[in-house]
Amino acid sequence: MSVTITSLVRGETNPQIRTDQKKVINIDFIIIGDPAATHTGDGNDERTDWTFDFTIHPVYPSFSTSQELKFARLTLMLAPKNKLITTDLVEIDGLHQIATPIIQTLPANGRVHTVTIELLDYYCSANILEILVRHDGQLPMKYRDDAIVSYAHLELSHAC
């Protein structure tokens, strides 16, 4: 029997913009500015951090981290603000960065775009599950650096 767990993180499409290099809290996201940038929260040259918390999912107690994942589907809502979206990356904190045309070819027009990335195309199941265990049912994530992240959803499912 396969078991699927999900976690959802939300933020505003137009978060607060700061000029003092302090972090911007965008509901469930934390935006950290680049020291060389003049603004934080404008979607240019910044890192966005968040954590997927699977422990609150009702079937998490029956989710075995010893079984291989069938899929690990990440959905993001991104509003690219800069033509340098071509260098943007996403990652599970502790694993390598993912550079994908799914993100890097988005138009830098400030409009919200929804993208879906199959994380098993970039990470092996064991590595994802190792991070999940290490963080007690949570997966820390990072996005860099030229888009506002306003929504993130991750769905993990076991192989049958």
N, C-alpha and C. Protein backbone atom coordinates (compact mmCIF):
# COMPACT_ATOMS: atom_id res chain seq x y z
N MET A 1 0.84 -1.18 0.00
CA MET A 1 0.00 0.00 0.00
C MET A 1 0.89 1.25 0.00
N SER A 2 0.59 2.16 -0.89
CA SER A 2 1.38 3.39 -0.92
C SER A 2 0.79 4.41 0.05
N VAL A 3 1.66 5.21 0.61
CA VAL A 3 1.26 6.28 1.52
C VAL A 3 1.82 7.57 0.96
N THR A 4 0.98 8.60 0.91
CA THR A 4 1.39 9.91 0.41
C THR A 4 1.22 10.94 1.52
N ILE A 5 2.26 11.76 1.69
CA ILE A 5 2.18 12.88 2.63
C ILE A 5 2.47 14.17 1.87
N THR A 6 1.87 15.25 2.34
CA THR A 6 2.05 16.54 1.68
C THR A 6 2.32 17.62 2.73
N SER A 7 2.95 18.69 2.25
CA SER A 7 3.16 19.86 3.09
C SER A 7 3.05 21.10 2.20
N LEU A 8 2.48 22.15 2.77
CA LEU A 8 2.20 23.37 2.02
C LEU A 8 2.75 24.57 2.79
N VAL A 9 3.38 25.49 2.04
CA VAL A 9 3.92 26.73 2.60
C VAL A 9 3.40 27.87 1.73
N ARG A 10 2.98 28.96 2.37
CA ARG A 10 2.41 30.09 1.62
C ARG A 10 3.07 31.41 2.01
N GLY A 11 3.00 32.34 1.06
CA GLY A 11 3.48 33.69 1.28
C GLY A 11 2.73 34.65 0.38
N GLU A 12 3.04 35.91 0.50
CA GLU A 12 2.44 36.95 -0.34
C GLU A 12 3.21 37.07 -1.65
N THR A 13 2.52 37.48 -2.70
CA THR A 13 3.20 37.71 -3.98
C THR A 13 3.93 39.05 -3.97
N ASN A 14 3.54 39.95 -3.06
CA ASN A 14 4.21 41.24 -2.91
C ASN A 14 4.56 41.45 -1.44
N PRO A 15 5.63 40.80 -0.98
CA PRO A 15 5.99 40.93 0.43
C PRO A 15 6.54 42.32 0.75
N GLN A 16 6.72 42.56 2.04
CA GLN A 16 7.35 43.79 2.50
C GLN A 16 8.73 43.91 1.86
N ILE A 17 9.12 45.13 1.52
CA ILE A 17 10.47 45.38 0.99
C ILE A 17 11.23 46.20 2.03
N ARG A 18 12.43 45.73 2.36
CA ARG A 18 13.26 46.41 3.34
C ARG A 18 14.51 46.95 2.67
N THR A 19 15.03 48.03 3.23
CA THR A 19 16.28 48.62 2.72
C THR A 19 17.40 48.54 3.76
N ASP A 20 17.16 47.85 4.87
CA ASP A 20 18.14 47.80 5.97
C ASP A 20 18.84 46.44 6.10
N GLN A 21 18.77 45.61 5.09
CA GLN A 21 19.43 44.30 5.06
C GLN A 21 18.89 43.30 6.09
N LYS A 22 17.77 43.60 6.73
CA LYS A 22 17.18 42.64 7.65
C LYS A 22 16.30 41.66 6.89
N LYS A 23 16.08 40.50 7.49
CA LYS A 23 15.24 39.48 6.88
C LYS A 23 13.81 39.98 6.73
N VAL A 24 13.15 39.48 5.70
CA VAL A 24 11.73 39.76 5.50
C VAL A 24 10.97 38.46 5.77
N ILE A 25 10.00 38.52 6.67
CA ILE A 25 9.15 37.37 6.93
C ILE A 25 7.94 37.50 6.01
N ASN A 26 7.80 36.54 5.11
CA ASN A 26 6.69 36.52 4.15
C ASN A 26 5.79 35.32 4.50
N ILE A 27 5.02 35.48 5.53
CA ILE A 27 4.15 34.45 6.11
C ILE A 27 5.01 33.23 6.49
N ASP A 28 5.06 32.19 5.64
CA ASP A 28 5.84 30.99 5.96
C ASP A 28 7.25 31.01 5.38
N PHE A 29 7.58 32.00 4.59
CA PHE A 29 8.89 32.10 3.95
C PHE A 29 9.75 33.14 4.68
N ILE A 30 11.06 32.95 4.64
CA ILE A 30 12.01 33.94 5.16
C ILE A 30 12.88 34.36 3.99
N ILE A 31 12.89 35.65 3.71
CA ILE A 31 13.68 36.19 2.60
C ILE A 31 14.92 36.86 3.18
N ILE A 32 16.08 36.44 2.67
CA ILE A 32 17.36 36.94 3.16
C ILE A 32 18.05 37.65 2.01
N GLY A 33 18.37 38.92 2.20
CA GLY A 33 18.97 39.72 1.14
C GLY A 33 20.44 39.43 0.93
N ASP A 34 20.88 39.70 -0.26
CA ASP A 34 22.30 39.64 -0.61
C ASP A 34 22.95 40.90 -0.04
N PRO A 35 24.10 40.78 0.63
CA PRO A 35 24.75 41.96 1.20
C PRO A 35 25.04 43.06 0.17
N ALA A 36 25.21 42.69 -1.09
CA ALA A 36 25.49 43.68 -2.13
C ALA A 36 24.21 44.34 -2.66
N ALA A 37 23.05 43.77 -2.34
CA ALA A 37 21.78 44.32 -2.84
C ALA A 37 21.29 45.44 -1.93
N THR A 38 20.53 46.36 -2.49
CA THR A 38 20.01 47.48 -1.71
C THR A 38 18.66 47.20 -1.08
N HIS A 39 17.95 46.19 -1.57
CA HIS A 39 16.61 45.88 -1.06
C HIS A 39 16.49 44.38 -0.75
N THR A 40 15.63 44.07 0.19
CA THR A 40 15.28 42.68 0.49
C THR A 40 13.76 42.57 0.38
N GLY A 41 13.30 41.56 -0.36
CA GLY A 41 11.86 41.36 -0.53
C GLY A 41 11.35 41.79 -1.88
N ASP A 42 12.25 42.27 -2.73
CA ASP A 42 11.83 42.73 -4.06
C ASP A 42 12.02 41.68 -5.14
N GLY A 43 12.54 40.51 -4.76
CA GLY A 43 12.72 39.44 -5.73
C GLY A 43 13.99 39.52 -6.54
N ASN A 44 14.92 40.36 -6.13
CA ASN A 44 16.20 40.49 -6.83
C ASN A 44 17.34 40.15 -5.87
N ASP A 45 18.20 39.24 -6.30
CA ASP A 45 19.41 38.92 -5.53
C ASP A 45 19.12 38.62 -4.06
N GLU A 46 18.29 37.61 -3.82
CA GLU A 46 17.98 37.24 -2.44
C GLU A 46 17.73 35.74 -2.36
N ARG A 47 17.80 35.23 -1.15
CA ARG A 47 17.53 33.82 -0.91
C ARG A 47 16.23 33.71 -0.13
N THR A 48 15.42 32.73 -0.50
CA THR A 48 14.18 32.46 0.22
C THR A 48 14.29 31.08 0.86
N ASP A 49 14.05 31.03 2.16
CA ASP A 49 14.10 29.79 2.93
C ASP A 49 12.71 29.43 3.42
N TRP A 50 12.44 28.14 3.53
CA TRP A 50 11.21 27.66 4.14
C TRP A 50 11.43 26.22 4.57
N THR A 51 10.48 25.74 5.36
CA THR A 51 10.55 24.35 5.83
C THR A 51 9.21 23.68 5.60
N PHE A 52 9.26 22.53 4.94
CA PHE A 52 8.07 21.69 4.82
C PHE A 52 7.98 20.87 6.10
N ASP A 53 6.83 20.94 6.77
CA ASP A 53 6.62 20.19 8.01
C ASP A 53 5.60 19.09 7.75
N PHE A 54 6.09 17.87 7.61
CA PHE A 54 5.21 16.74 7.34
C PHE A 54 4.61 16.15 8.61
N THR A 55 5.12 16.53 9.76
CA THR A 55 4.65 15.92 11.01
C THR A 55 3.19 16.25 11.30
N ILE A 56 2.68 17.32 10.71
CA ILE A 56 1.28 17.69 10.95
C ILE A 56 0.33 16.98 9.98
N HIS A 57 0.87 16.24 9.01
CA HIS A 57 0.02 15.51 8.08
C HIS A 57 -0.57 14.30 8.81
N PRO A 58 -1.88 14.04 8.65
CA PRO A 58 -2.52 12.98 9.42
C PRO A 58 -1.94 11.57 9.21
N VAL A 59 -1.38 11.28 8.04
CA VAL A 59 -0.83 9.93 7.83
C VAL A 59 0.68 9.87 8.03
N TYR A 60 1.29 10.96 8.48
CA TYR A 60 2.74 10.94 8.69
C TYR A 60 3.19 9.81 9.62
N PRO A 61 2.47 9.52 10.70
CA PRO A 61 2.92 8.42 11.57
C PRO A 61 3.04 7.07 10.85
N SER A 62 2.29 6.87 9.77
CA SER A 62 2.37 5.60 9.04
C SER A 62 3.28 5.69 7.81
N PHE A 63 3.97 6.82 7.66
CA PHE A 63 4.88 7.01 6.52
C PHE A 63 6.25 6.45 6.89
N SER A 64 6.65 5.40 6.20
CA SER A 64 7.93 4.75 6.50
C SER A 64 9.06 5.42 5.72
N THR A 65 10.10 5.82 6.43
CA THR A 65 11.26 6.41 5.75
C THR A 65 12.24 5.34 5.28
N SER A 66 11.90 4.08 5.47
CA SER A 66 12.76 3.00 4.97
C SER A 66 12.30 2.49 3.60
N GLN A 67 11.15 2.94 3.14
CA GLN A 67 10.66 2.55 1.81
C GLN A 67 11.06 3.60 0.78
N GLU A 68 11.40 3.13 -0.41
CA GLU A 68 11.78 4.04 -1.49
C GLU A 68 10.60 4.92 -1.90
N LEU A 69 10.92 6.16 -2.26
CA LEU A 69 9.88 7.07 -2.74
C LEU A 69 9.50 6.73 -4.18
N LYS A 70 8.21 6.80 -4.46
CA LYS A 70 7.70 6.65 -5.83
C LYS A 70 7.80 8.00 -6.54
N PHE A 71 7.45 9.06 -5.81
CA PHE A 71 7.64 10.41 -6.34
C PHE A 71 7.83 11.40 -5.22
N ALA A 72 8.45 12.52 -5.59
CA ALA A 72 8.68 13.66 -4.68
C ALA A 72 8.43 14.90 -5.53
N ARG A 73 7.18 15.31 -5.57
CA ARG A 73 6.74 16.35 -6.50
C ARG A 73 6.67 17.71 -5.80
N LEU A 74 7.52 18.63 -6.26
CA LEU A 74 7.59 19.99 -5.72
C LEU A 74 6.87 20.95 -6.67
N THR A 75 5.91 21.69 -6.14
CA THR A 75 5.23 22.73 -6.91
C THR A 75 5.54 24.08 -6.28
N LEU A 76 5.96 25.02 -7.11
CA LEU A 76 6.28 26.37 -6.66
C LEU A 76 5.49 27.39 -7.46
N MET A 77 5.11 28.47 -6.80
CA MET A 77 4.59 29.64 -7.50
C MET A 77 5.67 30.71 -7.39
N LEU A 78 6.17 31.12 -8.55
CA LEU A 78 7.29 32.06 -8.63
C LEU A 78 6.89 33.28 -9.44
N ALA A 79 7.34 34.44 -8.99
CA ALA A 79 7.18 35.68 -9.74
C ALA A 79 8.58 36.20 -10.06
N PRO A 80 9.13 35.81 -11.22
CA PRO A 80 10.48 36.25 -11.59
C PRO A 80 10.52 37.77 -11.77
N LYS A 81 11.52 38.39 -11.15
CA LYS A 81 11.63 39.85 -11.16
C LYS A 81 12.83 40.36 -11.95
N ASN A 82 13.71 39.46 -12.37
CA ASN A 82 14.97 39.88 -12.94
C ASN A 82 15.35 38.92 -14.06
N LYS A 83 15.94 39.46 -15.12
CA LYS A 83 16.33 38.61 -16.25
C LYS A 83 17.37 37.56 -15.86
N LEU A 84 17.99 37.72 -14.69
CA LEU A 84 18.95 36.73 -14.22
C LEU A 84 18.27 35.51 -13.60
N ILE A 85 16.95 35.37 -13.82
CA ILE A 85 16.24 34.15 -13.45
C ILE A 85 16.95 32.94 -14.07
N THR A 86 17.70 33.20 -15.12
CA THR A 86 18.43 32.14 -15.83
C THR A 86 19.48 31.46 -14.96
N THR A 87 19.77 32.03 -13.79
CA THR A 87 20.74 31.42 -12.87
C THR A 87 20.09 30.92 -11.58
N ASP A 88 18.77 30.98 -11.49
CA ASP A 88 18.09 30.62 -10.24
C ASP A 88 18.17 29.12 -9.95
N LEU A 89 18.14 28.82 -8.65
CA LEU A 89 18.32 27.45 -8.16
C LEU A 89 17.34 27.17 -7.03
N VAL A 90 17.02 25.90 -6.86
CA VAL A 90 16.23 25.47 -5.71
C VAL A 90 16.95 24.26 -5.11
N GLU A 91 16.78 24.04 -3.82
CA GLU A 91 17.45 22.91 -3.20
C GLU A 91 16.78 22.49 -1.91
N ILE A 92 16.92 21.21 -1.61
CA ILE A 92 16.68 20.73 -0.26
C ILE A 92 17.97 21.06 0.49
N ASP A 93 17.84 21.80 1.58
CA ASP A 93 19.03 22.20 2.34
C ASP A 93 19.78 20.96 2.81
N GLY A 94 21.05 20.89 2.45
CA GLY A 94 21.87 19.73 2.77
C GLY A 94 22.15 18.86 1.56
N LEU A 95 21.43 19.09 0.47
CA LEU A 95 21.67 18.38 -0.79
C LEU A 95 22.12 19.40 -1.84
N HIS A 96 22.49 18.94 -3.01
CA HIS A 96 23.00 19.85 -4.04
C HIS A 96 21.89 20.74 -4.62
N GLN A 97 22.31 21.84 -5.20
CA GLN A 97 21.38 22.78 -5.82
C GLN A 97 20.87 22.22 -7.14
N ILE A 98 19.62 22.56 -7.45
CA ILE A 98 19.00 22.13 -8.70
C ILE A 98 18.90 23.33 -9.62
N ALA A 99 19.57 23.24 -10.76
CA ALA A 99 19.45 24.24 -11.83
C ALA A 99 18.62 23.58 -12.92
N THR A 100 17.44 24.11 -13.19
CA THR A 100 16.56 23.47 -14.16
C THR A 100 15.93 24.51 -15.09
N PRO A 101 15.80 24.17 -16.38
CA PRO A 101 15.12 25.08 -17.30
C PRO A 101 13.66 25.30 -16.94
N ILE A 102 13.09 24.41 -16.13
CA ILE A 102 11.71 24.61 -15.69
C ILE A 102 11.58 25.96 -14.99
N ILE A 103 12.62 26.36 -14.26
CA ILE A 103 12.66 27.66 -13.58
C ILE A 103 13.38 28.69 -14.44
N GLN A 104 14.54 28.32 -14.96
CA GLN A 104 15.44 29.29 -15.57
C GLN A 104 14.97 29.87 -16.90
N THR A 105 13.94 29.30 -17.49
CA THR A 105 13.41 29.85 -18.75
C THR A 105 12.12 30.63 -18.55
N LEU A 106 11.71 30.84 -17.30
CA LEU A 106 10.51 31.64 -17.04
C LEU A 106 10.75 33.08 -17.46
N PRO A 107 9.72 33.75 -17.99
CA PRO A 107 9.89 35.16 -18.34
C PRO A 107 10.01 36.01 -17.08
N ALA A 108 10.92 36.95 -17.09
CA ALA A 108 11.14 37.84 -15.95
C ALA A 108 10.21 39.04 -16.05
N ASN A 109 8.92 38.76 -15.92
CA ASN A 109 7.91 39.81 -16.10
C ASN A 109 7.16 40.14 -14.82
N GLY A 110 7.56 39.53 -13.70
CA GLY A 110 6.91 39.81 -12.43
C GLY A 110 5.60 39.08 -12.23
N ARG A 111 5.12 38.39 -13.25
CA ARG A 111 3.87 37.63 -13.12
C ARG A 111 4.13 36.30 -12.43
N VAL A 112 3.11 35.79 -11.77
CA VAL A 112 3.24 34.53 -11.05
C VAL A 112 3.12 33.36 -12.02
N HIS A 113 4.08 32.45 -11.93
CA HIS A 113 4.10 31.24 -12.75
C HIS A 113 4.15 30.04 -11.81
N THR A 114 3.42 29.00 -12.16
CA THR A 114 3.44 27.76 -11.38
C THR A 114 4.31 26.74 -12.09
N VAL A 115 5.26 26.17 -11.36
CA VAL A 115 6.15 25.16 -11.92
C VAL A 115 6.10 23.92 -11.03
N THR A 116 6.28 22.77 -11.64
CA THR A 116 6.34 21.51 -10.90
C THR A 116 7.63 20.79 -11.27
N ILE A 117 8.34 20.37 -10.24
CA ILE A 117 9.63 19.70 -10.42
C ILE A 117 9.57 18.35 -9.71
N GLU A 118 9.93 17.30 -10.43
CA GLU A 118 10.04 15.98 -9.81
C GLU A 118 11.43 15.89 -9.19
N LEU A 119 11.49 15.94 -7.88
CA LEU A 119 12.79 15.97 -7.19
C LEU A 119 13.58 14.68 -7.39
N LEU A 120 12.91 13.57 -7.69
CA LEU A 120 13.64 12.32 -7.92
C LEU A 120 14.41 12.35 -9.24
N ASP A 121 14.16 13.34 -10.08
CA ASP A 121 14.99 13.53 -11.28
C ASP A 121 16.36 14.11 -10.92
N TYR A 122 16.49 14.64 -9.70
CA TYR A 122 17.72 15.32 -9.27
C TYR A 122 18.36 14.70 -8.02
N TYR A 123 17.55 14.10 -7.17
CA TYR A 123 18.02 13.50 -5.93
C TYR A 123 17.58 12.04 -5.89
N CYS A 124 18.35 11.23 -5.19
CA CYS A 124 17.88 9.85 -4.99
C CYS A 124 16.96 9.82 -3.76
N SER A 125 16.07 8.88 -3.76
CA SER A 125 15.09 8.73 -2.70
C SER A 125 15.74 8.68 -1.32
N ALA A 126 16.80 7.91 -1.19
CA ALA A 126 17.47 7.74 0.11
C ALA A 126 17.97 9.07 0.66
N ASN A 127 18.48 9.95 -0.20
CA ASN A 127 18.99 11.24 0.27
C ASN A 127 17.87 12.14 0.78
N ILE A 128 16.75 12.15 0.08
CA ILE A 128 15.60 12.95 0.53
C ILE A 128 15.12 12.44 1.88
N LEU A 129 14.97 11.13 1.98
CA LEU A 129 14.47 10.54 3.23
C LEU A 129 15.46 10.73 4.38
N GLU A 130 16.75 10.71 4.08
CA GLU A 130 17.76 10.95 5.12
C GLU A 130 17.60 12.35 5.72
N ILE A 131 17.38 13.34 4.87
CA ILE A 131 17.17 14.72 5.36
C ILE A 131 15.88 14.79 6.17
N LEU A 132 14.84 14.12 5.70
CA LEU A 132 13.56 14.10 6.42
C LEU A 132 13.73 13.51 7.82
N VAL A 133 14.48 12.43 7.93
CA VAL A 133 14.73 11.80 9.23
C VAL A 133 15.60 12.70 10.10
N ARG A 134 16.66 13.25 9.52
CA ARG A 134 17.59 14.11 10.27
C ARG A 134 16.88 15.32 10.88
N HIS A 135 15.84 15.80 10.18
CA HIS A 135 15.11 16.99 10.65
C HIS A 135 13.75 16.63 11.26
N ASP A 136 13.63 15.40 11.72
CA ASP A 136 12.43 14.96 12.46
C ASP A 136 11.12 15.26 11.73
N GLY A 137 11.06 14.86 10.46
CA GLY A 137 9.81 15.01 9.70
C GLY A 137 9.67 16.33 8.99
N GLN A 138 10.73 17.10 8.94
CA GLN A 138 10.70 18.38 8.24
C GLN A 138 11.77 18.39 7.15
N LEU A 139 11.50 19.14 6.08
CA LEU A 139 12.47 19.29 4.99
C LEU A 139 12.75 20.77 4.79
N PRO A 140 13.96 21.24 5.14
CA PRO A 140 14.31 22.64 4.91
C PRO A 140 14.67 22.86 3.44
N MET A 141 14.20 23.95 2.88
CA MET A 141 14.38 24.27 1.46
C MET A 141 14.98 25.66 1.30
N LYS A 142 15.61 25.87 0.13
CA LYS A 142 16.16 27.18 -0.23
C LYS A 142 15.88 27.43 -1.71
N TYR A 143 15.63 28.71 -2.03
CA TYR A 143 15.49 29.15 -3.42
C TYR A 143 16.39 30.37 -3.60
N ARG A 144 17.11 30.42 -4.71
CA ARG A 144 17.97 31.57 -5.02
C ARG A 144 17.69 31.99 -6.44
N ASP A 145 17.59 33.12 -6.92
CA ASP A 145 17.68 34.34 -6.18
C ASP A 145 16.97 35.51 -6.83
N ASP A 146 16.27 35.27 -7.94
CA ASP A 146 15.66 36.41 -8.64
C ASP A 146 14.16 36.25 -8.88
N ALA A 147 13.46 35.72 -7.89
CA ALA A 147 12.00 35.58 -7.98
C ALA A 147 11.41 35.61 -6.58
N ILE A 148 10.17 36.05 -6.49
CA ILE A 148 9.42 35.94 -5.25
C ILE A 148 8.77 34.56 -5.23
N VAL A 149 8.99 33.82 -4.16
CA VAL A 149 8.33 32.52 -3.98
C VAL A 149 7.13 32.77 -3.07
N SER A 150 5.92 32.50 -3.58
CA SER A 150 4.72 32.78 -2.79
C SER A 150 3.95 31.52 -2.42
N TYR A 151 4.39 30.37 -2.92
CA TYR A 151 3.69 29.12 -2.64
C TYR A 151 4.65 27.97 -2.89
N ALA A 152 4.64 27.00 -2.01
CA ALA A 152 5.44 25.80 -2.19
C ALA A 152 4.67 24.62 -1.63
N HIS A 153 4.61 23.56 -2.40
CA HIS A 153 3.89 22.35 -2.00
C HIS A 153 4.77 21.16 -2.35
N LEU A 154 4.92 20.24 -1.42
CA LEU A 154 5.71 19.05 -1.67
C LEU A 154 4.88 17.82 -1.32
N GLU A 155 4.87 16.89 -2.25
CA GLU A 155 4.13 15.64 -2.10
C GLU A 155 5.13 14.49 -2.19
N LEU A 156 5.18 13.68 -1.15
CA LEU A 156 6.06 12.52 -1.10
C LEU A 156 5.20 11.27 -1.05
N SER A 157 5.53 10.29 -1.90
CA SER A 157 4.76 9.05 -1.92
C SER A 157 5.69 7.86 -2.01
N HIS A 158 5.34 6.80 -1.29
CA HIS A 158 6.09 5.54 -1.33
C HIS A 158 5.81 4.78 -2.61
N ALA A 159 6.75 3.96 -2.97
CA ALA A 159 6.53 3.00 -4.04
C ALA A 159 5.60 1.91 -3.52
N CYS A 160 4.82 1.35 -4.41
CA CYS A 160 3.90 0.26 -4.01
C CYS A 160 4.65 -1.04 -3.87
